[in-house]
Protein backbone atom coordinates (compact mmCIF):
# COMPACT_ATOMS: atom_id res chain seq x y z
CA MET A 1 -16.36 -51.55 129.32
CA PHE A 2 -12.91 -51.60 129.99
CA HIS A 3 -10.01 -51.95 127.23
CA LYS A 4 -6.49 -52.64 127.57
CA ILE A 5 -4.71 -49.96 124.63
CA SER A 6 -1.01 -49.25 124.18
CA CYS A 7 0.10 -45.45 124.95
CA ASP A 8 0.45 -44.93 121.25
CA GLN A 9 -3.69 -45.79 120.62
CA VAL A 10 -4.19 -43.21 123.27
CA LYS A 11 -6.47 -39.97 121.88
CA MET A 12 -7.76 -36.86 123.18
CA GLY A 13 -11.47 -37.64 124.62
CA MET A 14 -10.33 -41.41 126.13
CA TYR A 15 -11.20 -41.53 130.11
CA ILE A 16 -8.05 -43.19 131.62
CA ARG A 17 -9.23 -46.17 133.79
CA SER A 18 -5.37 -47.02 135.06
CA PHE A 19 -1.73 -47.42 133.94
CA GLY A 20 0.07 -50.50 133.85
CA GLY A 21 3.53 -51.42 135.32
CA SER A 22 4.30 -49.82 138.79
CA TRP A 23 1.50 -47.66 140.35
CA PHE A 24 4.36 -45.05 140.79
CA GLY A 25 5.46 -45.48 137.35
CA HIS A 26 3.38 -43.07 134.89
CA PRO A 27 3.54 -39.69 135.19
CA PHE A 28 0.66 -38.56 136.78
CA TRP A 29 -1.00 -37.85 140.31
CA ARG A 30 -3.87 -39.15 139.12
CA ALA A 31 -5.42 -42.32 137.45
CA ARG A 32 -8.73 -41.65 136.46
CA PHE A 33 -9.38 -38.80 134.56
CA LEU A 34 -10.78 -37.74 131.09
CA LEU A 35 -7.86 -36.60 128.84
CA THR A 36 -8.99 -32.79 127.62
CA SER A 37 -5.51 -31.64 126.51
CA ALA A 38 -2.93 -32.23 124.00
CA GLU A 39 -0.04 -31.92 126.55
CA ASP A 40 -1.51 -34.48 128.22
CA VAL A 41 -1.92 -36.96 125.80
CA GLU A 42 2.05 -36.70 124.87
CA ARG A 43 2.07 -37.34 128.54
CA VAL A 44 0.80 -40.62 128.42
CA ARG A 45 2.23 -41.40 125.22
CA LEU A 46 6.14 -40.61 126.14
CA SER A 47 5.72 -42.22 129.91
CA GLY A 48 7.03 -45.85 128.87
CA VAL A 49 4.08 -47.45 130.81
CA PRO A 50 3.36 -50.90 129.00
CA TYR A 51 -0.08 -50.19 128.53
CA VAL A 52 -3.21 -48.00 129.40
CA LEU A 53 -6.77 -49.12 130.71
CA ILE A 54 -9.59 -46.85 129.38
CA ASP A 55 -13.07 -47.03 130.43
CA ASP A 56 -15.33 -46.11 126.73
CA GLU A 57 -18.59 -45.44 129.05
CA ARG A 58 -16.62 -42.60 130.04
CA GLY A 59 -14.98 -41.24 126.87
CA LEU A 60 -13.84 -42.73 123.56
CA GLY A 61 -13.72 -46.15 122.81
CA PRO A 62 -11.20 -47.91 120.23
CA GLU A 63 -13.94 -48.20 118.10
CA GLU A 64 -14.35 -44.47 117.79
CA LEU A 65 -10.76 -44.05 116.40
CA ALA A 66 -11.37 -45.32 113.12
CA ARG A 67 -14.36 -42.79 112.69
CA PRO A 68 -14.04 -39.78 111.11
CA ALA A 69 -14.79 -37.32 113.93
CA ALA A 70 -17.16 -36.90 116.61
CA SER A 71 -19.95 -34.59 115.05
CA SER A 72 -20.15 -37.53 112.39
CA LEU A 73 -21.32 -40.08 115.13
CA PRO A 74 -24.50 -41.70 115.48
CA GLN A 75 -26.89 -40.63 118.32
CA GLY A 76 -25.77 -42.96 121.57
CA GLY A 77 -22.03 -43.35 122.12
CA VAL A 78 -19.74 -40.23 123.22
CA ARG A 79 -22.97 -38.49 122.63
CA ALA A 80 -25.33 -40.14 124.80
CA ALA A 81 -22.84 -39.46 127.27
CA PHE A 82 -23.38 -35.74 127.30
CA ARG A 83 -26.71 -35.98 127.17
CA GLY A 84 -28.32 -34.06 130.03
CA MET A 85 -25.23 -31.33 129.34
CA GLU A 86 -27.06 -27.55 130.01
CA THR A 87 -26.01 -24.99 127.62
CA GLU A 88 -23.52 -22.45 128.24
CA ARG A 89 -24.94 -19.27 130.50
CA PRO A 90 -23.37 -16.21 130.04
CA MET A 91 -20.92 -14.93 132.57
CA VAL A 92 -22.51 -11.83 134.68
CA SER A 93 -19.70 -9.83 133.85
CA ALA A 94 -18.53 -10.56 130.63
CA ALA A 95 -20.11 -11.72 127.16
CA ARG A 96 -17.47 -14.98 127.51
CA ARG A 97 -19.43 -18.10 127.63
CA ILE A 98 -18.01 -21.18 130.09
CA ALA A 99 -19.32 -24.81 129.37
CA ARG A 100 -20.64 -26.78 132.68
CA PRO A 101 -20.92 -30.08 132.57
CA ARG A 102 -24.16 -31.50 134.30
CA ALA A 103 -25.10 -35.25 135.59
CA SER A 104 -26.95 -37.43 133.79
CA GLY A 105 -30.86 -37.51 134.69
CA ALA A 106 -32.69 -39.89 137.34
CA MET A 107 -32.17 -43.55 137.18
CA GLY A 108 -35.07 -45.76 135.16
CA PRO A 109 -36.66 -48.50 137.19
CA GLY A 110 -34.50 -51.22 135.74
CA GLN A 111 -31.76 -49.16 136.85
CA ASN A 112 -32.74 -48.96 140.45
CA GLN A 113 -33.55 -52.75 140.57
CA ARG A 114 -30.02 -53.47 139.77
CA GLU A 115 -29.03 -50.51 142.30
CA ALA A 116 -30.53 -52.00 144.70
CA GLY A 117 -29.54 -56.31 143.48
CA GLU A 118 -25.48 -54.50 143.59
CA GLN A 119 -26.38 -53.00 147.34
CA LYS A 120 -27.80 -56.37 148.46
CA ALA A 121 -24.94 -58.09 147.00
CA ALA A 122 -22.79 -55.62 148.68
CA ALA A 123 -24.33 -56.41 152.10
CA ALA A 124 -23.62 -59.95 151.78
CA LEU A 125 -20.19 -60.01 151.01
CA VAL A 126 -19.38 -57.94 154.12
CA ASN A 127 -21.04 -60.05 156.21
CA ARG A 128 -18.97 -62.77 154.67
CA SER A 129 -16.03 -61.02 155.28
CA LYS A 130 -17.10 -59.77 158.56
CA LYS A 131 -17.32 -63.38 159.74
CA VAL A 132 -14.08 -64.58 158.31
CA VAL A 133 -12.20 -61.59 159.84
CA LYS A 134 -13.44 -62.46 163.37
CA ALA A 135 -12.01 -66.29 163.13
CA LEU A 136 -8.70 -65.07 161.56
CA PHE A 137 -8.65 -62.30 164.44
CA GLU A 138 -9.99 -64.41 167.49
CA GLY A 139 -7.75 -67.40 166.57
CA ALA A 140 -4.71 -64.37 166.84
CA ARG A 141 -6.23 -63.63 170.51
CA MET A 142 -6.24 -67.52 171.25
CA GLY A 143 -2.49 -67.49 170.52
CA ARG A 144 -3.17 -69.69 167.04
CA PRO A 145 -0.64 -68.76 164.23
CA VAL A 146 -2.30 -66.19 161.73
CA LYS A 147 -3.76 -67.58 158.46
CA VAL A 148 -3.25 -64.93 156.05
CA ALA A 149 -4.54 -67.51 153.05
CA ASP A 150 -7.96 -67.15 154.99
CA ALA A 151 -8.27 -63.31 154.76
CA LEU A 152 -7.31 -63.67 150.80
CA PRO A 153 -10.46 -64.93 149.18
CA VAL A 154 -11.72 -61.98 151.34
CA VAL A 155 -9.86 -59.33 150.00
CA ASP A 156 -10.40 -60.72 146.02
CA GLU A 157 -13.99 -60.40 146.46
CA VAL A 158 -14.24 -56.84 147.74
CA THR A 159 -11.61 -56.24 144.79
CA ALA A 160 -14.03 -57.79 142.56
CA ALA A 161 -16.94 -55.46 143.87
CA VAL A 162 -14.82 -52.49 144.03
CA LEU A 163 -14.33 -52.65 140.09
CA ARG A 164 -17.52 -53.76 139.63
CA ASN A 165 -19.83 -51.44 141.63
CA ARG A 166 -17.81 -49.37 144.29
CA ARG A 167 -20.80 -46.82 145.08
CA ALA A 168 -22.69 -50.05 146.18
CA LEU A 169 -20.27 -51.12 148.74
CA LEU A 170 -19.42 -47.84 150.17
CA LYS A 171 -22.80 -47.19 150.65
CA VAL A 172 -22.94 -50.65 152.72
CA ILE A 173 -19.81 -50.08 154.43
CA ARG A 174 -21.20 -46.41 156.06
CA LEU A 175 -24.18 -48.51 157.86
CA LYS A 176 -22.07 -49.98 160.41
CA THR A 177 -23.82 -50.60 164.01
CA LYS A 178 -21.46 -50.53 166.99
CA ASP A 179 -21.61 -54.12 167.50
CA GLU A 180 -18.65 -55.90 166.62
CA TYR A 181 -16.82 -52.81 165.77
CA THR A 182 -13.23 -54.22 165.17
CA TYR A 183 -14.91 -56.84 162.43
CA PHE A 184 -16.65 -54.55 160.37
CA HIS A 185 -14.51 -51.60 160.93
CA SER A 186 -11.45 -53.91 159.17
CA VAL A 187 -13.63 -54.76 156.36
CA ALA A 188 -14.63 -50.87 155.85
CA VAL A 189 -10.75 -50.05 155.85
CA CYS A 190 -10.23 -52.81 153.50
CA THR A 191 -12.88 -51.81 150.83
CA LEU A 192 -11.34 -47.66 151.30
CA MET A 193 -8.05 -48.53 150.79
CA LEU A 194 -8.59 -51.02 147.66
CA ASN A 195 -10.69 -48.19 146.00
CA MET A 196 -8.52 -45.27 146.78
CA ALA A 197 -5.49 -47.92 145.38
CA PHE A 198 -7.21 -47.96 142.25
CA HIS A 199 -8.36 -44.12 142.49
CA LEU A 200 -4.61 -43.31 142.73
CA GLY A 201 -3.83 -46.09 139.68
CA MET A 202 -2.40 -48.96 141.26
CA ASP A 203 -1.88 -52.30 139.19
CA GLU A 204 -4.85 -55.19 140.73
CA ASP A 205 -2.24 -56.78 142.47
CA VAL A 206 -0.49 -53.70 143.98
CA ALA A 207 -4.25 -52.78 145.28
CA LYS A 208 -4.73 -55.94 146.38
CA ASP A 209 -1.78 -55.89 149.10
CA PHE A 210 -3.19 -52.31 149.69
CA GLY A 211 -6.23 -53.96 150.53
CA LEU A 212 -4.92 -57.16 152.69
CA ALA A 213 -2.97 -53.99 155.04
CA GLY A 214 -6.58 -52.59 155.44
CA LEU A 215 -8.20 -55.74 156.51
CA LEU A 216 -5.17 -56.83 159.05
CA HIS A 217 -4.25 -53.16 160.36
CA ASP A 218 -6.01 -54.01 163.72
CA LEU A 219 -4.77 -57.34 164.27
CA GLY A 220 -2.27 -56.11 166.96
CA LYS A 221 -5.54 -55.18 168.95
CA MET A 222 -6.35 -59.28 169.55
CA GLY A 223 -3.35 -58.42 172.33
CA VAL A 224 -5.06 -56.02 173.58
CA PRO A 225 -7.69 -57.11 177.18
CA GLU A 226 -11.03 -57.04 176.02
CA GLU A 227 -12.31 -55.02 178.85
CA ILE A 228 -9.71 -52.33 177.41
CA LEU A 229 -10.57 -52.82 173.81
CA ASN A 230 -14.28 -53.04 174.49
CA LYS A 231 -15.00 -50.03 176.84
CA PRO A 232 -18.13 -47.99 176.53
CA ALA A 233 -16.50 -44.82 177.56
CA SER A 234 -13.19 -42.85 176.92
CA LEU A 235 -9.94 -44.62 178.12
CA SER A 236 -7.90 -43.72 180.94
CA ASP A 237 -3.99 -42.76 180.14
CA GLU A 238 -2.88 -45.93 181.45
CA GLU A 239 -5.43 -47.97 179.44
CA MET A 240 -4.47 -45.52 176.09
CA ALA A 241 -0.58 -46.66 176.96
CA VAL A 242 -1.85 -50.33 176.63
CA MET A 243 -3.94 -50.09 173.26
CA ARG A 244 -0.85 -47.89 171.96
CA GLY A 245 1.23 -51.23 171.64
CA HIS A 246 -1.26 -52.74 169.65
CA PRO A 247 1.12 -51.53 166.15
CA GLY A 248 3.77 -53.66 167.50
CA HIS A 249 1.75 -56.99 168.29
CA GLY A 250 0.12 -56.53 165.04
CA TYR A 251 3.96 -56.31 163.51
CA GLN A 252 5.32 -58.69 165.81
CA LEU A 253 2.06 -61.33 164.73
CA LEU A 254 2.51 -60.49 160.80
CA ALA A 255 6.62 -59.91 160.25
CA ASP A 256 7.36 -63.78 160.28
CA ILE A 257 5.32 -64.94 157.46
CA ALA A 258 7.17 -66.04 154.60
CA GLU A 259 6.23 -62.97 151.31
CA MET A 260 4.36 -61.00 153.73
CA PRO A 261 4.03 -57.76 151.52
CA ALA A 262 5.83 -54.87 152.47
CA VAL A 263 2.82 -52.72 152.64
CA VAL A 264 0.90 -54.95 155.05
CA LEU A 265 3.67 -54.56 157.53
CA ASP A 266 3.96 -50.75 156.92
CA ALA A 267 0.34 -50.00 157.56
CA VAL A 268 -0.11 -52.27 160.65
CA TYR A 269 2.51 -50.50 162.44
CA GLN A 270 2.33 -47.00 161.09
CA HIS A 271 -1.26 -46.83 160.79
CA HIS A 272 -1.33 -43.95 164.07
CA GLU A 273 1.89 -42.18 162.75
CA ARG A 274 1.27 -38.44 162.04
CA ILE A 275 2.86 -36.23 159.29
CA ASP A 276 3.91 -34.11 162.47
CA GLY A 277 5.49 -36.73 164.34
CA THR A 278 2.68 -36.90 166.61
CA GLY A 279 1.90 -40.34 166.20
CA TYR A 280 2.56 -43.52 167.71
CA PRO A 281 4.53 -46.13 168.07
CA VAL A 282 7.25 -44.33 167.68
CA GLY A 283 6.55 -40.80 166.53
CA LEU A 284 7.47 -41.03 163.04
CA LYS A 285 6.92 -37.66 160.73
CA GLY A 286 6.61 -36.48 156.95
CA ASP A 287 8.39 -39.39 154.86
CA GLU A 288 9.51 -41.28 157.51
CA ILE A 289 5.95 -42.96 157.17
CA GLY A 290 5.53 -45.12 153.95
CA LEU A 291 2.55 -44.54 151.25
CA ALA A 292 0.61 -47.65 153.16
CA GLY A 293 0.83 -46.35 156.70
CA ARG A 294 -0.53 -42.80 155.40
CA LEU A 295 -3.27 -43.83 153.23
CA CYS A 296 -4.55 -46.49 156.36
CA ALA A 297 -4.25 -43.69 158.66
CA ILE A 298 -6.61 -41.86 156.44
CA CYS A 299 -9.20 -44.61 156.13
CA ASP A 300 -8.87 -45.84 159.43
CA ILE A 301 -9.48 -42.32 160.85
CA TYR A 302 -12.55 -42.02 158.32
CA ASP A 303 -14.25 -44.77 158.90
CA ALA A 304 -13.88 -44.51 162.84
CA LEU A 305 -15.42 -40.91 162.77
CA THR A 306 -18.47 -42.36 160.83
CA SER A 307 -19.17 -45.03 162.65
CA GLN A 308 -21.67 -45.46 165.69
CA ARG A 309 -19.91 -46.58 168.90
CA PRO A 310 -21.01 -46.98 172.76
CA TYR A 311 -19.44 -43.80 173.67
CA LYS A 312 -20.05 -41.19 170.22
CA ALA A 313 -22.37 -40.88 167.75
CA ALA A 314 -21.52 -41.26 164.25
CA SER A 315 -20.41 -38.63 161.97
CA SER A 316 -21.49 -38.32 158.56
CA PRO A 317 -19.03 -38.90 155.94
CA ALA A 318 -19.33 -34.69 155.09
CA GLU A 319 -18.72 -34.14 159.27
CA ALA A 320 -15.59 -36.56 159.07
CA ILE A 321 -13.80 -35.03 156.27
CA ALA A 322 -14.47 -31.52 157.18
CA THR A 323 -12.74 -32.63 161.26
CA MET A 324 -10.03 -34.39 159.45
CA TRP A 325 -9.17 -31.34 156.79
CA GLY A 326 -9.41 -28.68 159.66
CA TRP A 327 -6.75 -31.22 161.44
CA GLN A 328 -3.06 -29.61 160.77
CA GLY A 329 -0.06 -31.59 160.64
CA HIS A 330 -1.61 -34.94 161.03
CA LEU A 331 -2.30 -36.50 157.56
CA ASP A 332 -0.74 -36.17 153.83
CA ARG A 333 -3.23 -33.42 152.58
CA LYS A 334 -2.46 -34.77 148.92
CA LEU A 335 -3.70 -37.63 149.82
CA LEU A 336 -6.50 -37.13 151.83
CA PHE A 337 -7.63 -34.79 149.12
CA SER A 338 -7.12 -37.63 146.65
CA PHE A 339 -9.27 -39.73 149.67
CA MET A 340 -12.11 -37.19 149.17
CA GLN A 341 -12.24 -37.81 145.49
CA SER A 342 -12.31 -41.39 145.95
CA ILE A 343 -15.46 -41.12 147.88
CA GLY A 344 -17.15 -38.23 146.52
CA VAL A 345 -17.54 -36.55 149.93
CA PHE A 346 -16.17 -32.58 150.25
CA PRO A 347 -15.90 -30.34 153.29
CA ALA A 348 -19.01 -28.34 153.30
CA GLY A 349 -17.90 -24.53 153.02
CA ALA A 350 -14.85 -25.19 151.26
CA LEU A 351 -13.67 -23.42 148.17
CA ALA A 352 -13.13 -25.69 145.65
CA ARG A 353 -11.81 -25.59 141.91
CA LEU A 354 -14.04 -27.76 139.15
CA ARG A 355 -12.99 -29.25 136.34
CA SER A 356 -14.93 -26.67 134.00
CA ASN A 357 -12.40 -24.12 135.41
CA ARG A 358 -15.14 -22.86 137.95
CA LEU A 359 -14.60 -21.24 141.88
CA GLY A 360 -17.72 -22.74 143.67
CA ILE A 361 -18.59 -23.43 147.28
CA VAL A 362 -19.48 -27.14 148.35
CA LEU A 363 -23.20 -27.34 149.91
CA ASP A 364 -24.07 -29.74 152.58
CA ALA A 365 -24.34 -33.08 151.17
CA GLY A 366 -28.43 -33.10 151.89
CA LYS A 367 -29.90 -36.55 151.94
CA ARG A 368 -27.75 -39.74 152.83
CA ASN A 369 -25.65 -40.91 149.77
CA ALA A 370 -26.51 -37.74 147.34
CA ARG A 371 -24.01 -36.91 144.90
CA PRO A 372 -21.77 -33.69 146.22
CA ARG A 373 -22.94 -30.32 145.14
CA VAL A 374 -21.19 -27.12 144.67
CA LEU A 375 -22.27 -23.77 143.65
CA ALA A 376 -20.32 -22.36 141.21
CA PHE A 377 -19.17 -18.36 140.85
CA TYR A 378 -16.22 -17.39 139.98
CA CYS A 379 -14.26 -18.52 136.16
CA ALA A 380 -11.03 -19.24 137.35
CA ARG A 381 -9.59 -18.84 133.66
CA GLU A 382 -11.04 -15.10 133.27
CA LEU A 383 -11.30 -14.18 136.69
CA GLU A 384 -14.70 -12.91 136.47
CA PHE A 385 -17.93 -13.37 138.62
CA LEU A 386 -20.28 -16.17 137.42
CA GLU A 387 -24.07 -16.48 138.00
CA PRO A 388 -24.63 -18.90 140.61
CA ASP A 389 -25.18 -22.18 139.42
CA ILE A 390 -25.22 -25.61 141.17
CA ALA A 391 -22.73 -28.04 139.88
CA ILE A 392 -23.51 -32.04 140.49
CA ILE A 393 -20.13 -33.57 141.30
CA ASP A 394 -19.33 -37.20 139.66
CA ASP A 395 -16.72 -38.83 138.34
CA SER A 396 -18.31 -39.72 134.98
CA LEU A 397 -17.99 -37.55 131.43
CA ALA A 398 -21.16 -35.81 131.80
CA ALA A 399 -20.48 -34.45 135.06
CA ASP A 400 -18.38 -31.76 136.70
CA GLN A 401 -15.23 -32.84 139.16
CA VAL A 402 -13.31 -31.42 142.17
CA VAL A 403 -10.03 -30.63 141.16
CA SER A 404 -8.97 -29.34 144.04
CA LEU A 405 -9.65 -27.16 147.49
CA GLU A 406 -8.45 -23.52 147.17
CA ASN A 407 -7.49 -21.05 149.55
CA PRO A 408 -9.77 -17.95 149.60
CA LEU A 409 -7.15 -15.79 149.86
CA HIS A 410 -5.30 -17.05 147.17
CA TRP A 411 -8.16 -15.79 144.83
CA ALA A 412 -8.87 -12.17 146.71
CA PHE A 413 -11.81 -13.28 148.80
CA GLU A 414 -10.67 -11.36 151.75
CA ASP A 415 -13.87 -11.83 153.32
CA TRP A 416 -14.87 -15.14 152.35
CA ALA A 417 -17.32 -15.76 155.47
CA GLY A 418 -19.20 -12.71 153.70
CA LEU A 419 -19.15 -13.80 150.60
CA SER A 420 -20.24 -17.80 151.00
CA GLU A 421 -23.30 -16.50 153.34
CA LYS A 422 -24.47 -14.15 150.62
CA LEU A 423 -23.94 -17.29 148.06
CA MET A 424 -25.72 -19.54 150.03
CA LYS A 425 -28.70 -17.15 150.80
CA GLY A 426 -28.99 -16.62 147.52
CA ALA A 427 -29.07 -20.73 146.73
CA LYS A 428 -31.32 -21.45 149.60
CA ARG A 429 -33.64 -19.02 147.88
CA GLN A 430 -33.69 -20.01 144.23
CA ALA A 431 -33.73 -23.77 145.77
CA ALA A 432 -37.19 -22.38 147.52
């Protein structure tokens, strides 16, 4: 359950869900995290934000503030969040120990039924939304004024679904087919934009503007001839030139609408711009591209790569993320990493730093929709190798989290290819 509290009520052990006020008014890049240090608690108290939203399912709630100490709590509550955490295991080369948060156990029958119900509701929402987007876009193709008011209920519904159970909706948007790609894609990008906006700590009203931006980002494609838009093959240079006109056309359709949020116009016009200036329509670079444009570019590309198209097979989420992370200069890498955190997908084989101050290798995702796993093998604090251990990555209090992707050379892993291969073989033997 979420609780709205003032900054002076913030205590260590609380899980911050979001900050009140402007999304850029707080001192943290991430807005969803567990308060584990006195320094961070003090930063929140001095931040000047009007309020903080906390989640008592992932950390302490207001009712715990009056209790004497966590050690005297009855069974359940905060302790329940830590059930399933294993006891500490010694380092290979030192007597010191390191605590390793673990994910909770398997879901029971009741939780499975709830998850199935949430996913069914999410699928129905996506289908309804797709129909609204189709009517909106086809109206624009026929030259009718864009009825943005028709899109707002879609954004409201998607917002509520993301806040209620984002995983259910994220699963559904992965299951798209090539049919009516443009409309499904718009709903998917709306969902990804909203999910990322909340991950960055934006207020709900601001987040909804980003969701609307995702929903309308490809509106300009209605000015592209259907034989080009739906061509089951790669486009020629001439056809690509026509396609590259769609950001400008979309901007023109929306620019004169009263009170159109600036972030919507930025996303529509800039979602094909690239950080190194190689994008279109005008070749903006770096900070010339607004936050909405940079974020929409990431969501747009990710959904396109993971979609089945007439001329290409869909990439898995992990493959798409690995491809995007491998591009140099195209995307905002800080935002891209935050996007990975928001959807729980990281590039397999990458060196990751965990919240538990361990370094590890991101493992293959395995079965569809499984939680990401990292083979932890090194203590970043003591600079010592650890007995290899598989950490399940989740945003709950009882699990570990990826806090950064690291350059192996910065940690003196000069033969990273050899080291990672050796560790991966060991993990496979252990699993067998």
